[in-house]
PDB file of N, CA and C in Angstrom:
ATOM      1  N   UNK A   1      -9.719 -20.629  13.251  1.00  0.00           N
ATOM      2  CA  UNK A   1      -9.103 -19.616  12.397  1.00  0.00           C
ATOM      3  C   UNK A   1      -7.690 -19.289  12.868  1.00  0.00           C
ATOM      4  N   UNK A   2      -7.513 -19.196  14.161  1.00  0.00           N
ATOM      5  CA  UNK A   2      -6.190 -18.856  14.681  1.00  0.00           C
ATOM      6  C   UNK A   2      -5.174 -19.958  14.419  1.00  0.00           C
ATOM      7  N   UNK A   3      -5.624 -21.204  14.320  1.00  0.00           N
ATOM      8  CA  UNK A   3      -4.669 -22.288  14.089  1.00  0.00           C
ATOM      9  C   UNK A   3      -4.021 -22.174  12.711  1.00  0.00           C
ATOM     10  N   UNK A   4      -4.705 -21.510  11.779  1.00  0.00           N
ATOM     11  CA  UNK A   4      -4.128 -21.302  10.449  1.00  0.00           C
ATOM     12  C   UNK A   4      -2.859 -20.463  10.557  1.00  0.00           C
ATOM     13  N   UNK A   5      -2.879 -19.460  11.411  1.00  0.00           N
ATOM     14  CA  UNK A   5      -1.719 -18.593  11.589  1.00  0.00           C
ATOM     15  C   UNK A   5      -0.799 -19.074  12.703  1.00  0.00           C
ATOM     16  N   UNK A   6      -1.365 -19.758  13.668  1.00  0.00           N
ATOM     17  CA  UNK A   6      -0.598 -20.180  14.838  1.00  0.00           C
ATOM     18  C   UNK A   6       0.413 -21.268  14.497  1.00  0.00           C
ATOM     19  N   UNK A   7       0.016 -22.256  13.725  1.00  0.00           N
ATOM     20  CA  UNK A   7       0.919 -23.367  13.401  1.00  0.00           C
ATOM     21  C   UNK A   7       2.155 -22.899  12.627  1.00  0.00           C
ATOM     22  N   UNK A   8       2.002 -22.160  11.527  1.00  0.00           N
ATOM     23  CA  UNK A   8       3.211 -21.696  10.829  1.00  0.00           C
ATOM     24  C   UNK A   8       4.090 -20.791  11.688  1.00  0.00           C
ATOM     25  N   UNK A   9       3.473 -19.952  12.499  1.00  0.00           N
ATOM     26  CA  UNK A   9       4.289 -19.066  13.334  1.00  0.00           C
ATOM     27  C   UNK A   9       5.043 -19.848  14.402  1.00  0.00           C
ATOM     28  N   UNK A  10       4.438 -20.884  14.946  1.00  0.00           N
ATOM     29  CA  UNK A  10       5.135 -21.719  15.931  1.00  0.00           C
ATOM     30  C   UNK A  10       6.289 -22.476  15.280  1.00  0.00           C
ATOM     31  N   UNK A  11       6.068 -22.992  14.091  1.00  0.00           N
ATOM     32  CA  UNK A  11       7.139 -23.702  13.375  1.00  0.00           C
ATOM     33  C   UNK A  11       8.282 -22.744  13.076  1.00  0.00           C
ATOM     34  N   UNK A  12       7.948 -21.549  12.611  1.00  0.00           N
ATOM     35  CA  UNK A  12       8.982 -20.567  12.281  1.00  0.00           C
ATOM     36  C   UNK A  12       9.707 -20.077  13.530  1.00  0.00           C
ATOM     37  N   UNK A  13       8.993 -19.923  14.617  1.00  0.00           N
ATOM     38  CA  UNK A  13       9.603 -19.456  15.862  1.00  0.00           C
ATOM     39  C   UNK A  13      10.591 -20.466  16.419  1.00  0.00           C
ATOM     40  N   UNK A  14      10.289 -21.731  16.298  1.00  0.00           N
ATOM     41  CA  UNK A  14      11.174 -22.766  16.841  1.00  0.00           C
ATOM     42  C   UNK A  14      12.278 -23.162  15.870  1.00  0.00           C
ATOM     43  N   UNK A  15      12.223 -22.687  14.633  1.00  0.00           N
ATOM     44  CA  UNK A  15      13.255 -23.021  13.649  1.00  0.00           C
ATOM     45  C   UNK A  15      14.526 -22.229  13.943  1.00  0.00           C
ATOM     46  N   UNK A  16      15.667 -22.747  13.500  1.00  0.00           N
ATOM     47  CA  UNK A  16      16.921 -22.002  13.673  1.00  0.00           C
ATOM     48  C   UNK A  16      16.907 -20.692  12.866  1.00  0.00           C
ATOM     49  N   UNK A  17      17.739 -19.758  13.293  1.00  0.00           N
ATOM     50  CA  UNK A  17      17.771 -18.438  12.665  1.00  0.00           C
ATOM     51  C   UNK A  17      18.150 -18.510  11.190  1.00  0.00           C
ATOM     52  N   UNK A  18      19.019 -19.441  10.821  1.00  0.00           N
ATOM     53  CA  UNK A  18      19.437 -19.536   9.424  1.00  0.00           C
ATOM     54  C   UNK A  18      18.291 -20.016   8.529  1.00  0.00           C
ATOM     55  N   UNK A  19      17.253 -20.585   9.109  1.00  0.00           N
ATOM     56  CA  UNK A  19      16.057 -20.950   8.345  1.00  0.00           C
ATOM     57  C   UNK A  19      15.033 -19.810   8.407  1.00  0.00           C
ATOM     58  N   UNK A  20      14.929 -19.176   9.551  1.00  0.00           N
ATOM     59  CA  UNK A  20      13.958 -18.090   9.727  1.00  0.00           C
ATOM     60  C   UNK A  20      14.219 -16.928   8.775  1.00  0.00           C
ATOM     61  N   UNK A  21      15.482 -16.544   8.654  1.00  0.00           N
ATOM     62  CA  UNK A  21      15.830 -15.359   7.868  1.00  0.00           C
ATOM     63  C   UNK A  21      15.402 -15.478   6.408  1.00  0.00           C
ATOM     64  N   UNK A  22      15.805 -16.538   5.687  1.00  0.00           N
ATOM     65  CA  UNK A  22      15.363 -16.604   4.287  1.00  0.00           C
ATOM     66  C   UNK A  22      13.850 -16.759   4.131  1.00  0.00           C
ATOM     67  N   UNK A  23      13.224 -17.492   5.043  1.00  0.00           N
ATOM     68  CA  UNK A  23      11.773 -17.676   4.940  1.00  0.00           C
ATOM     69  C   UNK A  23      11.061 -16.342   5.128  1.00  0.00           C
ATOM     70  N   UNK A  24      11.467 -15.589   6.122  1.00  0.00           N
ATOM     71  CA  UNK A  24      10.838 -14.284   6.362  1.00  0.00           C
ATOM     72  C   UNK A  24      11.103 -13.344   5.187  1.00  0.00           C
ATOM     73  N   UNK A  25      12.310 -13.333   4.663  1.00  0.00           N
ATOM     74  CA  UNK A  25      12.620 -12.452   3.534  1.00  0.00           C
ATOM     75  C   UNK A  25      11.861 -12.853   2.276  1.00  0.00           C
ATOM     76  N   UNK A  26      11.730 -14.146   2.044  1.00  0.00           N
ATOM     77  CA  UNK A  26      11.007 -14.616   0.858  1.00  0.00           C
ATOM     78  C   UNK A  26       9.535 -14.223   0.940  1.00  0.00           C
ATOM     79  N   UNK A  27       8.999 -14.165   2.136  1.00  0.00           N
ATOM     80  CA  UNK A  27       7.594 -13.779   2.310  1.00  0.00           C
ATOM     81  C   UNK A  27       7.460 -12.263   2.459  1.00  0.00           C
ATOM     82  N   UNK A  28       8.312 -11.652   3.268  1.00  0.00           N
ATOM     83  CA  UNK A  28       8.146 -10.239   3.616  1.00  0.00           C
ATOM     84  C   UNK A  28       8.452  -9.298   2.455  1.00  0.00           C
ATOM     85  N   UNK A  29       9.497  -9.572   1.701  1.00  0.00           N
ATOM     86  CA  UNK A  29       9.881  -8.649   0.627  1.00  0.00           C
ATOM     87  C   UNK A  29       8.793  -8.557  -0.450  1.00  0.00           C
ATOM     88  N   UNK A  30       8.305  -9.666  -0.997  1.00  0.00           N
ATOM     89  CA  UNK A  30       7.221  -9.529  -1.984  1.00  0.00           C
ATOM     90  C   UNK A  30       5.936  -8.939  -1.396  1.00  0.00           C
ATOM     91  N   UNK A  31       5.628  -9.298  -0.157  1.00  0.00           N
ATOM     92  CA  UNK A  31       4.426  -8.759   0.475  1.00  0.00           C
ATOM     93  C   UNK A  31       4.536  -7.246   0.645  1.00  0.00           C
ATOM     94  N   UNK A  32       5.665  -6.776   1.132  1.00  0.00           N
ATOM     95  CA  UNK A  32       5.866  -5.331   1.306  1.00  0.00           C
ATOM     96  C   UNK A  32       5.893  -4.612  -0.040  1.00  0.00           C
ATOM     97  N   UNK A  33       6.476  -5.244  -1.058  1.00  0.00           N
ATOM     98  CA  UNK A  33       6.496  -4.634  -2.388  1.00  0.00           C
ATOM     99  C   UNK A  33       5.079  -4.496  -2.940  1.00  0.00           C
ATOM    100  N   UNK A  34       4.267  -5.522  -2.765  1.00  0.00           N
ATOM    101  CA  UNK A  34       2.881  -5.459  -3.239  1.00  0.00           C
ATOM    102  C   UNK A  34       2.095  -4.386  -2.484  1.00  0.00           C
ATOM    103  N   UNK A  35       2.289  -4.319  -1.177  1.00  0.00           N
ATOM    104  CA  UNK A  35       1.608  -3.286  -0.393  1.00  0.00           C
ATOM    105  C   UNK A  35       2.069  -1.888  -0.801  1.00  0.00           C
ATOM    106  N   UNK A  36       3.356  -1.733  -1.080  1.00  0.00           N
ATOM    107  CA  UNK A  36       3.881  -0.431  -1.499  1.00  0.00           C
ATOM    108  C   UNK A  36       3.304  -0.019  -2.852  1.00  0.00           C
ATOM    109  N   UNK A  37       3.187  -0.965  -3.777  1.00  0.00           N
ATOM    110  CA  UNK A  37       2.600  -0.642  -5.079  1.00  0.00           C
ATOM    111  C   UNK A  37       1.135  -0.236  -4.938  1.00  0.00           C
ATOM    112  N   UNK A  38       0.415  -0.939  -4.098  1.00  0.00           N
ATOM    113  CA  UNK A  38      -0.983  -0.581  -3.857  1.00  0.00           C
ATOM    114  C   UNK A  38      -1.118   0.791  -3.224  1.00  0.00           C
ATOM    115  N   UNK A  39      -0.270   1.063  -2.248  1.00  0.00           N
ATOM    116  CA  UNK A  39      -0.285   2.364  -1.566  1.00  0.00           C
ATOM    117  C   UNK A  39       0.058   3.484  -2.550  1.00  0.00           C
ATOM    118  N   UNK A  40       1.068   3.262  -3.392  1.00  0.00           N
ATOM    119  CA  UNK A  40       1.468   4.259  -4.380  1.00  0.00           C
ATOM    120  C   UNK A  40       0.343   4.523  -5.372  1.00  0.00           C
ATOM    121  N   UNK A  41      -0.332   3.481  -5.805  1.00  0.00           N
ATOM    122  CA  UNK A  41      -1.452   3.631  -6.735  1.00  0.00           C
ATOM    123  C   UNK A  41      -2.575   4.452  -6.096  1.00  0.00           C
ATOM    124  N   UNK A  42      -2.871   4.160  -4.838  1.00  0.00           N
ATOM    125  CA  UNK A  42      -3.912   4.897  -4.121  1.00  0.00           C
ATOM    126  C   UNK A  42      -3.562   6.382  -4.020  1.00  0.00           C
ATOM    127  N   UNK A  43      -2.318   6.682  -3.670  1.00  0.00           N
ATOM    128  CA  UNK A  43      -1.879   8.077  -3.557  1.00  0.00           C
ATOM    129  C   UNK A  43      -1.942   8.773  -4.916  1.00  0.00           C
ATOM    130  N   UNK A  44      -1.541   8.081  -5.987  1.00  0.00           N
ATOM    131  CA  UNK A  44      -1.601   8.670  -7.326  1.00  0.00           C
ATOM    132  C   UNK A  44      -3.038   8.992  -7.735  1.00  0.00           C
ATOM    133  N   UNK A  45      -3.947   8.069  -7.482  1.00  0.00           N
ATOM    134  CA  UNK A  45      -5.349   8.284  -7.855  1.00  0.00           C
ATOM    135  C   UNK A  45      -5.940   9.438  -7.055  1.00  0.00           C
ATOM    136  N   UNK A  46      -5.701   9.455  -5.750  1.00  0.00           N
ATOM    137  CA  UNK A  46      -6.226  10.542  -4.921  1.00  0.00           C
ATOM    138  C   UNK A  46      -5.635  11.891  -5.326  1.00  0.00           C
ATOM    139  N   UNK A  47      -4.340  11.913  -5.619  1.00  0.00           N
ATOM    140  CA  UNK A  47      -3.702  13.154  -6.052  1.00  0.00           C
ATOM    141  C   UNK A  47      -4.273  13.661  -7.360  1.00  0.00           C
ATOM    142  N   UNK A  48      -4.512  12.756  -8.301  1.00  0.00           N
ATOM    143  CA  UNK A  48      -5.087  13.154  -9.586  1.00  0.00           C
ATOM    144  C   UNK A  48      -6.503  13.691  -9.414  1.00  0.00           C
ATOM    145  N   UNK A  49      -7.281  13.043  -8.555  1.00  0.00           N
ATOM    146  CA  UNK A  49      -8.653  13.520  -8.322  1.00  0.00           C
ATOM    147  C   UNK A  49      -8.662  14.890  -7.640  1.00  0.00           C
ATOM    148  N   UNK A  50      -7.776  15.076  -6.675  1.00  0.00           N
ATOM    149  CA  UNK A  50      -7.706  16.377  -6.007  1.00  0.00           C
ATOM    150  C   UNK A  50      -7.265  17.469  -6.971  1.00  0.00           C
ATOM    151  N   UNK A  51      -6.296  17.161  -7.825  1.00  0.00           N
ATOM    152  CA  UNK A  51      -5.831  18.138  -8.805  1.00  0.00           C
ATOM    153  C   UNK A  51      -6.939  18.485  -9.792  1.00  0.00           C
ATOM    154  N   UNK A  52      -7.683  17.477 -10.232  1.00  0.00           N
ATOM    155  CA  UNK A  52      -8.795  17.715 -11.149  1.00  0.00           C
ATOM    156  C   UNK A  52      -9.863  18.589 -10.489  1.00  0.00           C
ATOM    157  N   UNK A  53     -10.164  18.309  -9.228  1.00  0.00           N
ATOM    158  CA  UNK A  53     -11.167  19.106  -8.510  1.00  0.00           C
ATOM    159  C   UNK A  53     -10.686  20.539  -8.325  1.00  0.00           C
ATOM    160  N   UNK A  54      -9.399  20.706  -8.037  1.00  0.00           N
ATOM    161  CA  UNK A  54      -8.848  22.051  -7.855  1.00  0.00           C
ATOM    162  C   UNK A  54      -8.915  22.840  -9.159  1.00  0.00           C
ATOM    163  N   UNK A  55      -8.538  22.202 -10.257  1.00  0.00           N
ATOM    164  CA  UNK A  55      -8.569  22.900 -11.549  1.00  0.00           C
ATOM    165  C   UNK A  55      -9.997  23.226 -11.969  1.00  0.00           C
ATOM    166  N   UNK A  56     -10.930  22.312 -11.676  1.00  0.00           N
ATOM    167  CA  UNK A  56     -12.332  22.568 -11.989  1.00  0.00           C
ATOM    168  C   UNK A  56     -12.838  23.767 -11.197  1.00  0.00           C
ATOM    169  N   UNK A  57     -12.485  23.830  -9.916  1.00  0.00           N
ATOM    170  CA  UNK A  57     -12.918  24.948  -9.072  1.00  0.00           C
ATOM    171  C   UNK A  57     -12.291  26.254  -9.545  1.00  0.00           C
ATOM    172  N   UNK A  58     -11.022  26.217  -9.924  1.00  0.00           N
ATOM    173  CA  UNK A  58     -10.362  27.430 -10.421  1.00  0.00           C
ATOM    174  C   UNK A  58     -10.987  27.889 -11.733  1.00  0.00           C
ATOM    175  N   UNK A  59     -11.315  26.948 -12.608  1.00  0.00           N
ATOM    176  CA  UNK A  59     -11.935  27.308 -13.884  1.00  0.00           C
ATOM    177  C   UNK A  59     -13.321  27.901 -13.656  1.00  0.00           C
ATOM    178  N   UNK A  60     -14.034  27.374 -12.692  1.00  0.00           N
ATOM    179  CA  UNK A  60     -15.363  27.897 -12.382  1.00  0.00           C
ATOM    180  C   UNK A  60     -15.268  29.323 -11.844  1.00  0.00           C
ATOM    181  N   UNK A  61     -14.276  29.584 -11.002  1.00  0.00           N
ATOM    182  CA  UNK A  61     -14.074  30.930 -10.460  1.00  0.00           C
ATOM    183  C   UNK A  61     -13.676  31.888 -11.580  1.00  0.00           C
ATOM    184  N   UNK A  62     -12.782  31.457 -12.462  1.00  0.00           N
ATOM    185  CA  UNK A  62     -12.350  32.316 -13.573  1.00  0.00           C
ATOM    186  C   UNK A  62     -13.514  32.622 -14.510  1.00  0.00           C
ATOM    187  N   UNK A  63     -14.401  31.667 -14.718  1.00  0.00           N
ATOM    188  CA  UNK A  63     -15.552  31.882 -15.592  1.00  0.00           C
ATOM    189  C   UNK A  63     -16.476  32.945 -15.006  1.00  0.00           C
ATOM    190  N   UNK A  64     -16.664  32.915 -13.690  1.00  0.00           N
ATOM    191  CA  UNK A  64     -17.538  33.899 -13.046  1.00  0.00           C
ATOM    192  C   UNK A  64     -16.890  35.283 -12.989  1.00  0.00           C
ATOM    193  N   UNK A  65     -15.590  35.370 -12.928  1.00  0.00           N
ATOM    194  CA  UNK A  65     -14.937  36.685 -12.882  1.00  0.00           C
ATOM    195  C   UNK A  65     -14.873  37.322 -14.263  1.00  0.00           C
ATOM    196  N   UNK A  66     -14.933  36.512 -15.333  1.00  0.00           N
ATOM    197  CA  UNK A  66     -14.900  37.054 -16.694  1.00  0.00           C
ATOM    198  C   UNK A  66     -16.234  37.671 -17.088  1.00  0.00           C
ATOM    199  N   UNK A  67     -17.300  37.280 -16.454  1.00  0.00           N
ATOM    200  CA  UNK A  67     -18.633  37.772 -16.832  1.00  0.00           C
ATOM    201  C   UNK A  67     -18.899  39.161 -16.353  1.00  0.00           C
TER     202      UNK A  67
END
């Protein structure tokens, strides 16, 4: 399993910097963008659920105070 990651990293490590930079950017930028979109989606979903729970709890309290 480690050879899957070890071989490309060894090739990239021994390559000149002018090759390393574009290769890392071509891989890192889309990967980080995808991770950021996933993270943002997770935060949005959690925020919406928390807001819904808060409003439900407030509505329940208001219903009991009106009686």
